[in-house]
Amino acid sequence: MYAGHLAAGLAIKAVVPRAPTAALTVLVFLPHFLWLGLSVGGVETVTPGAWFDGWSHSFASVIVQAVLVGALWWLRDARVAIALTSAVLSHIVLDLPVHPAALEWYPHAGSGFGNLLHGWADEGGALAKTPGWWVEAAIVLCGSGLYIAMARRIGVRSPAAAAVTVLVASLHIAFG
């Protein structure tokens, strides 16, 4: 779920125009950036049958990440702080249906939540795309649609907004 995270950042930008686009783009992926570092360092494993990403993607970890982001921005602008915190928290919501394993409550909890599609996210579906692909496509459509609808309000010209959404949709089609 990469394009879906980007679309969530666009949707948040549409609602809170003062939120920095670059920060939103990074923060919707914050658990993934942590995951990359931790997996390269051998702390988290991503091999089949040994999946573990509790330090970067557990409910408790994402909450801590979001609180830290909010605290860093709170004194500058509370509304922007809430938007950036929401960007981090959106990661949990968007991963619920399609994350390869249940999201743990905290690292090494042994139990968790999510993985709502229970394995069928990766099975063949309509037009040779998986159900997980279609869930992400719906998220891309909703987030991008909100961004385009609000583009004028946030000072983005329609052609630029359309170009951004085409880029996000193209990323989903190419890599989803």
C-alpha atoms as a PDB file:
ATOM      1  CA  MET A   1       0.000   0.000   0.000  1.00  0.00           C
ATOM      2  CA  TYR A   2       2.227   2.774  -1.244  1.00  0.00           C
ATOM      3  CA  ALA A   3       0.050   4.820  -3.578  1.00  0.00           C
ATOM      4  CA  GLY A   4      -2.744   4.614  -1.005  1.00  0.00           C
ATOM      5  CA  HIS A   5      -0.520   6.234   1.609  1.00  0.00           C
ATOM      6  CA  LEU A   6       0.358   9.010  -0.841  1.00  0.00           C
ATOM      7  CA  ALA A   7      -3.338   9.544  -1.597  1.00  0.00           C
ATOM      8  CA  ALA A   8      -4.010   9.858   2.132  1.00  0.00           C
ATOM      9  CA  GLY A   9      -1.362  12.577   2.321  1.00  0.00           C
ATOM     10  CA  LEU A  10      -3.053  14.408  -0.558  1.00  0.00           C
ATOM     11  CA  ALA A  11      -6.424  14.151   1.187  1.00  0.00           C
ATOM     12  CA  ILE A  12      -4.977  15.569   4.413  1.00  0.00           C
ATOM     13  CA  LYS A  13      -3.381  18.398   2.413  1.00  0.00           C
ATOM     14  CA  ALA A  14      -6.804  19.175   0.923  1.00  0.00           C
ATOM     15  CA  VAL A  15      -8.305  19.513   4.404  1.00  0.00           C
ATOM     16  CA  VAL A  16      -5.393  21.392   6.016  1.00  0.00           C
ATOM     17  CA  PRO A  17      -3.722  23.446   3.272  1.00  0.00           C
ATOM     18  CA  ARG A  18      -1.095  24.889   5.652  1.00  0.00           C
ATOM     19  CA  ALA A  19       0.317  21.420   6.312  1.00  0.00           C
ATOM     20  CA  PRO A  20       3.626  21.127   4.444  1.00  0.00           C
ATOM     21  CA  THR A  21       3.292  18.777   1.485  1.00  0.00           C
ATOM     22  CA  ALA A  22       6.802  17.384   1.924  1.00  0.00           C
ATOM     23  CA  ALA A  23       6.161  16.606   5.597  1.00  0.00           C
ATOM     24  CA  LEU A  24       2.859  14.911   4.773  1.00  0.00           C
ATOM     25  CA  THR A  25       4.513  12.828   2.074  1.00  0.00           C
ATOM     26  CA  VAL A  26       7.230  11.639   4.451  1.00  0.00           C
ATOM     27  CA  LEU A  27       4.982  11.123   7.461  1.00  0.00           C
ATOM     28  CA  VAL A  28       2.413   8.901   5.734  1.00  0.00           C
ATOM     29  CA  PHE A  29       5.387   6.577   5.147  1.00  0.00           C
ATOM     30  CA  LEU A  30       7.093   7.019   8.547  1.00  0.00           C
ATOM     31  CA  PRO A  31       6.449   3.412   9.677  1.00  0.00           C
ATOM     32  CA  HIS A  32       7.849   2.191   6.350  1.00  0.00           C
ATOM     33  CA  PHE A  33      10.993   4.285   6.742  1.00  0.00           C
ATOM     34  CA  LEU A  34      11.476   2.844  10.231  1.00  0.00           C
ATOM     35  CA  TRP A  35      10.775  -0.620   8.869  1.00  0.00           C
ATOM     36  CA  LEU A  36      13.449  -0.195   6.177  1.00  0.00           C
ATOM     37  CA  GLY A  37      16.073   0.796   8.709  1.00  0.00           C
ATOM     38  CA  LEU A  38      15.101  -1.900  11.180  1.00  0.00           C
ATOM     39  CA  SER A  39      14.943  -4.657   8.563  1.00  0.00           C
ATOM     40  CA  VAL A  40      18.338  -3.703   7.123  1.00  0.00           C
ATOM     41  CA  GLY A  41      19.654  -3.768  10.687  1.00  0.00           C
ATOM     42  CA  GLY A  42      18.176  -7.245  11.238  1.00  0.00           C
ATOM     43  CA  VAL A  43      15.771  -6.110  13.975  1.00  0.00           C
ATOM     44  CA  GLU A  44      12.666  -6.748  11.865  1.00  0.00           C
ATOM     45  CA  THR A  45      12.353  -9.668   9.471  1.00  0.00           C
ATOM     46  CA  VAL A  46      10.302  -9.858   6.327  1.00  0.00           C
ATOM     47  CA  THR A  47      10.942 -13.376   5.103  1.00  0.00           C
ATOM     48  CA  PRO A  48       7.945 -15.647   4.451  1.00  0.00           C
ATOM     49  CA  GLY A  49       6.957 -17.432   7.636  1.00  0.00           C
ATOM     50  CA  ALA A  50       9.100 -15.127   9.782  1.00  0.00           C
ATOM     51  CA  TRP A  51       7.328 -11.810   9.269  1.00  0.00           C
ATOM     52  CA  PHE A  52       7.940  -9.334  12.081  1.00  0.00           C
ATOM     53  CA  ASP A  53       7.488  -5.571  11.883  1.00  0.00           C
ATOM     54  CA  GLY A  54       6.260  -4.841  15.403  1.00  0.00           C
ATOM     55  CA  TRP A  55       8.768  -2.101  16.156  1.00  0.00           C
ATOM     56  CA  SER A  56       7.764  -0.051  13.121  1.00  0.00           C
ATOM     57  CA  HIS A  57       4.137  -1.037  12.490  1.00  0.00           C
ATOM     58  CA  SER A  58       2.563  -2.096  15.798  1.00  0.00           C
ATOM     59  CA  PHE A  59      -0.338  -0.076  17.132  1.00  0.00           C
ATOM     60  CA  ALA A  60       1.757   1.183  20.075  1.00  0.00           C
ATOM     61  CA  SER A  61       4.712   2.073  17.856  1.00  0.00           C
ATOM     62  CA  VAL A  62       2.622   4.075  15.389  1.00  0.00           C
ATOM     63  CA  ILE A  63       0.896   5.885  18.271  1.00  0.00           C
ATOM     64  CA  VAL A  64       4.312   6.834  19.713  1.00  0.00           C
ATOM     65  CA  GLN A  65       5.486   8.007  16.272  1.00  0.00           C
ATOM     66  CA  ALA A  66       2.336  10.118  15.875  1.00  0.00           C
ATOM     67  CA  VAL A  67       2.612  11.650  19.348  1.00  0.00           C
ATOM     68  CA  LEU A  68       6.246  12.590  18.731  1.00  0.00           C
ATOM     69  CA  VAL A  69       5.353  14.236  15.411  1.00  0.00           C
ATOM     70  CA  GLY A  70       2.470  16.111  17.029  1.00  0.00           C
ATOM     71  CA  ALA A  71       4.651  17.289  19.903  1.00  0.00           C
ATOM     72  CA  LEU A  72       7.315  18.580  17.517  1.00  0.00           C
ATOM     73  CA  TRP A  73       4.785  20.684  15.580  1.00  0.00           C
ATOM     74  CA  TRP A  74       2.322  21.670  18.303  1.00  0.00           C
ATOM     75  CA  LEU A  75       3.863  25.015  19.259  1.00  0.00           C
ATOM     76  CA  ARG A  76       4.274  26.062  15.623  1.00  0.00           C
ATOM     77  CA  ASP A  77       0.681  25.442  14.581  1.00  0.00           C
ATOM     78  CA  ALA A  78      -1.778  23.169  16.383  1.00  0.00           C
ATOM     79  CA  ARG A  79      -3.917  22.533  13.295  1.00  0.00           C
ATOM     80  CA  VAL A  80      -0.865  21.534  11.255  1.00  0.00           C
ATOM     81  CA  ALA A  81       0.335  19.360  14.142  1.00  0.00           C
ATOM     82  CA  ILE A  82      -2.997  17.515  14.109  1.00  0.00           C
ATOM     83  CA  ALA A  83      -2.789  17.076  10.327  1.00  0.00           C
ATOM     84  CA  LEU A  84       0.747  15.681  10.512  1.00  0.00           C
ATOM     85  CA  THR A  85      -0.193  13.432  13.422  1.00  0.00           C
ATOM     86  CA  SER A  86      -3.125  12.196  11.340  1.00  0.00           C
ATOM     87  CA  ALA A  87      -0.754  11.457   8.474  1.00  0.00           C
ATOM     88  CA  VAL A  88       1.190   9.073  10.701  1.00  0.00           C
ATOM     89  CA  LEU A  89      -1.982   7.524  12.170  1.00  0.00           C
ATOM     90  CA  SER A  90      -3.444   6.993   8.696  1.00  0.00           C
ATOM     91  CA  HIS A  91      -0.846   4.288   8.242  1.00  0.00           C
ATOM     92  CA  ILE A  92      -2.659   1.997  10.692  1.00  0.00           C
ATOM     93  CA  VAL A  93      -6.062   2.552   9.118  1.00  0.00           C
ATOM     94  CA  LEU A  94      -4.811   1.987   5.585  1.00  0.00           C
ATOM     95  CA  ASP A  95      -2.824  -1.117   6.481  1.00  0.00           C
ATOM     96  CA  LEU A  96      -5.746  -2.787   8.293  1.00  0.00           C
ATOM     97  CA  PRO A  97      -7.233  -4.560   5.284  1.00  0.00           C
ATOM     98  CA  VAL A  98      -4.105  -5.466   3.330  1.00  0.00           C
ATOM     99  CA  HIS A  99      -1.090  -5.736   5.652  1.00  0.00           C
ATOM    100  CA  PRO A 100       0.578  -9.135   5.059  1.00  0.00           C
ATOM    101  CA  ALA A 101       0.243 -10.089   8.724  1.00  0.00           C
ATOM    102  CA  ALA A 102      -1.876  -8.930  11.624  1.00  0.00           C
ATOM    103  CA  LEU A 103      -0.651  -5.638  13.086  1.00  0.00           C
ATOM    104  CA  GLU A 104       0.577  -6.291  16.602  1.00  0.00           C
ATOM    105  CA  TRP A 105      -0.705  -4.263  19.532  1.00  0.00           C
ATOM    106  CA  TYR A 106       2.907  -3.709  20.636  1.00  0.00           C
ATOM    107  CA  PRO A 107       6.245  -5.258  19.563  1.00  0.00           C
ATOM    108  CA  HIS A 108       6.346  -9.013  20.251  1.00  0.00           C
ATOM    109  CA  ALA A 109       2.739  -8.993  21.518  1.00  0.00           C
ATOM    110  CA  GLY A 110       1.954 -12.274  19.844  1.00  0.00           C
ATOM    111  CA  SER A 111      -1.526 -11.045  18.982  1.00  0.00           C
ATOM    112  CA  GLY A 112      -2.846  -8.218  16.938  1.00  0.00           C
ATOM    113  CA  PHE A 113      -5.527  -6.894  14.666  1.00  0.00           C
ATOM    114  CA  GLY A 114      -6.052  -6.184  11.029  1.00  0.00           C
ATOM    115  CA  ASN A 115      -5.239  -8.284   8.007  1.00  0.00           C
ATOM    116  CA  LEU A 116      -8.969  -7.962   7.421  1.00  0.00           C
ATOM    117  CA  LEU A 117      -8.864  -9.636   4.036  1.00  0.00           C
ATOM    118  CA  HIS A 118      -7.490 -12.789   5.740  1.00  0.00           C
ATOM    119  CA  GLY A 119      -5.220 -13.937   2.956  1.00  0.00           C
ATOM    120  CA  TRP A 120      -7.529 -13.274   0.036  1.00  0.00           C
ATOM    121  CA  ALA A 121      -5.917  -9.876  -0.547  1.00  0.00           C
ATOM    122  CA  ASP A 122      -3.288 -11.691  -2.611  1.00  0.00           C
ATOM    123  CA  GLU A 123      -5.570 -14.078  -4.537  1.00  0.00           C
ATOM    124  CA  GLY A 124      -6.410 -13.456  -8.183  1.00  0.00           C
ATOM    125  CA  GLY A 125      -9.399 -11.227  -8.757  1.00  0.00           C
ATOM    126  CA  ALA A 126     -11.131  -9.090 -11.357  1.00  0.00           C
ATOM    127  CA  LEU A 127      -9.050  -8.124 -14.371  1.00  0.00           C
ATOM    128  CA  ALA A 128      -6.145 -10.204 -13.000  1.00  0.00           C
ATOM    129  CA  LYS A 129      -5.759  -7.847 -10.040  1.00  0.00           C
ATOM    130  CA  THR A 130      -5.920  -8.968  -6.419  1.00  0.00           C
ATOM    131  CA  PRO A 131      -8.640  -7.804  -4.030  1.00  0.00           C
ATOM    132  CA  GLY A 132      -5.897  -5.957  -2.128  1.00  0.00           C
ATOM    133  CA  TRP A 133      -5.039  -4.085  -5.322  1.00  0.00           C
ATOM    134  CA  TRP A 134      -8.683  -3.028  -5.699  1.00  0.00           C
ATOM    135  CA  VAL A 135      -8.890  -1.893  -2.053  1.00  0.00           C
ATOM    136  CA  GLU A 136      -5.852   0.303  -2.606  1.00  0.00           C
ATOM    137  CA  ALA A 137      -7.299   1.552  -5.906  1.00  0.00           C
ATOM    138  CA  ALA A 138     -10.417   2.681  -4.030  1.00  0.00           C
ATOM    139  CA  ILE A 139      -8.251   4.476  -1.458  1.00  0.00           C
ATOM    140  CA  VAL A 140      -6.256   6.173  -4.239  1.00  0.00           C
ATOM    141  CA  LEU A 141      -9.485   7.219  -5.939  1.00  0.00           C
ATOM    142  CA  CYS A 142     -10.986   8.669  -2.735  1.00  0.00           C
ATOM    143  CA  GLY A 143      -7.853  10.503  -1.575  1.00  0.00           C
ATOM    144  CA  SER A 144      -7.036  11.840  -5.016  1.00  0.00           C
ATOM    145  CA  GLY A 145     -10.648  12.797  -5.637  1.00  0.00           C
ATOM    146  CA  LEU A 146     -10.762  14.854  -2.454  1.00  0.00           C
ATOM    147  CA  TYR A 147      -7.481  16.527  -3.405  1.00  0.00           C
ATOM    148  CA  ILE A 148      -8.731  17.462  -6.883  1.00  0.00           C
ATOM    149  CA  ALA A 149     -12.057  18.676  -5.500  1.00  0.00           C
ATOM    150  CA  MET A 150     -10.285  20.945  -3.006  1.00  0.00           C
ATOM    151  CA  ALA A 151      -7.360  21.996  -5.246  1.00  0.00           C
ATOM    152  CA  ARG A 152      -8.574  25.524  -5.900  1.00  0.00           C
ATOM    153  CA  ARG A 153      -9.232  26.098  -2.174  1.00  0.00           C
ATOM    154  CA  ILE A 154      -5.676  25.137  -1.274  1.00  0.00           C
ATOM    155  CA  GLY A 155      -4.125  27.219  -4.045  1.00  0.00           C
ATOM    156  CA  VAL A 156      -3.233  24.425  -6.444  1.00  0.00           C
ATOM    157  CA  ARG A 157      -4.169  24.928 -10.074  1.00  0.00           C
ATOM    158  CA  SER A 158      -6.371  22.224 -11.552  1.00  0.00           C
ATOM    159  CA  PRO A 159      -3.794  20.969 -14.097  1.00  0.00           C
ATOM    160  CA  ALA A 160      -1.182  20.590 -11.357  1.00  0.00           C
ATOM    161  CA  ALA A 161      -3.646  18.772  -9.092  1.00  0.00           C
ATOM    162  CA  ALA A 162      -4.621  16.489 -11.957  1.00  0.00           C
ATOM    163  CA  ALA A 163      -0.959  15.775 -12.733  1.00  0.00           C
ATOM    164  CA  VAL A 164      -0.262  14.813  -9.121  1.00  0.00           C
ATOM    165  CA  THR A 165      -3.240  12.490  -8.978  1.00  0.00           C
ATOM    166  CA  VAL A 166      -2.330  10.896 -12.310  1.00  0.00           C
ATOM    167  CA  LEU A 167       1.161  10.313 -10.913  1.00  0.00           C
ATOM    168  CA  VAL A 168      -0.220   8.648  -7.768  1.00  0.00           C
ATOM    169  CA  ALA A 169      -2.615   6.503  -9.824  1.00  0.00           C
ATOM    170  CA  SER A 170       0.236   5.577 -12.177  1.00  0.00           C
ATOM    171  CA  LEU A 171       2.370   4.481  -9.226  1.00  0.00           C
ATOM    172  CA  HIS A 172      -0.450   2.240  -8.079  1.00  0.00           C
ATOM    173  CA  ILE A 173      -0.927   0.748 -11.523  1.00  0.00           C
ATOM    174  CA  ALA A 174       2.798   0.205 -12.054  1.00  0.00           C
ATOM    175  CA  PHE A 175       3.752  -1.064  -8.599  1.00  0.00           C
ATOM    176  CA  GLY A 176       0.478  -2.029  -6.899  1.00  0.00           C
END
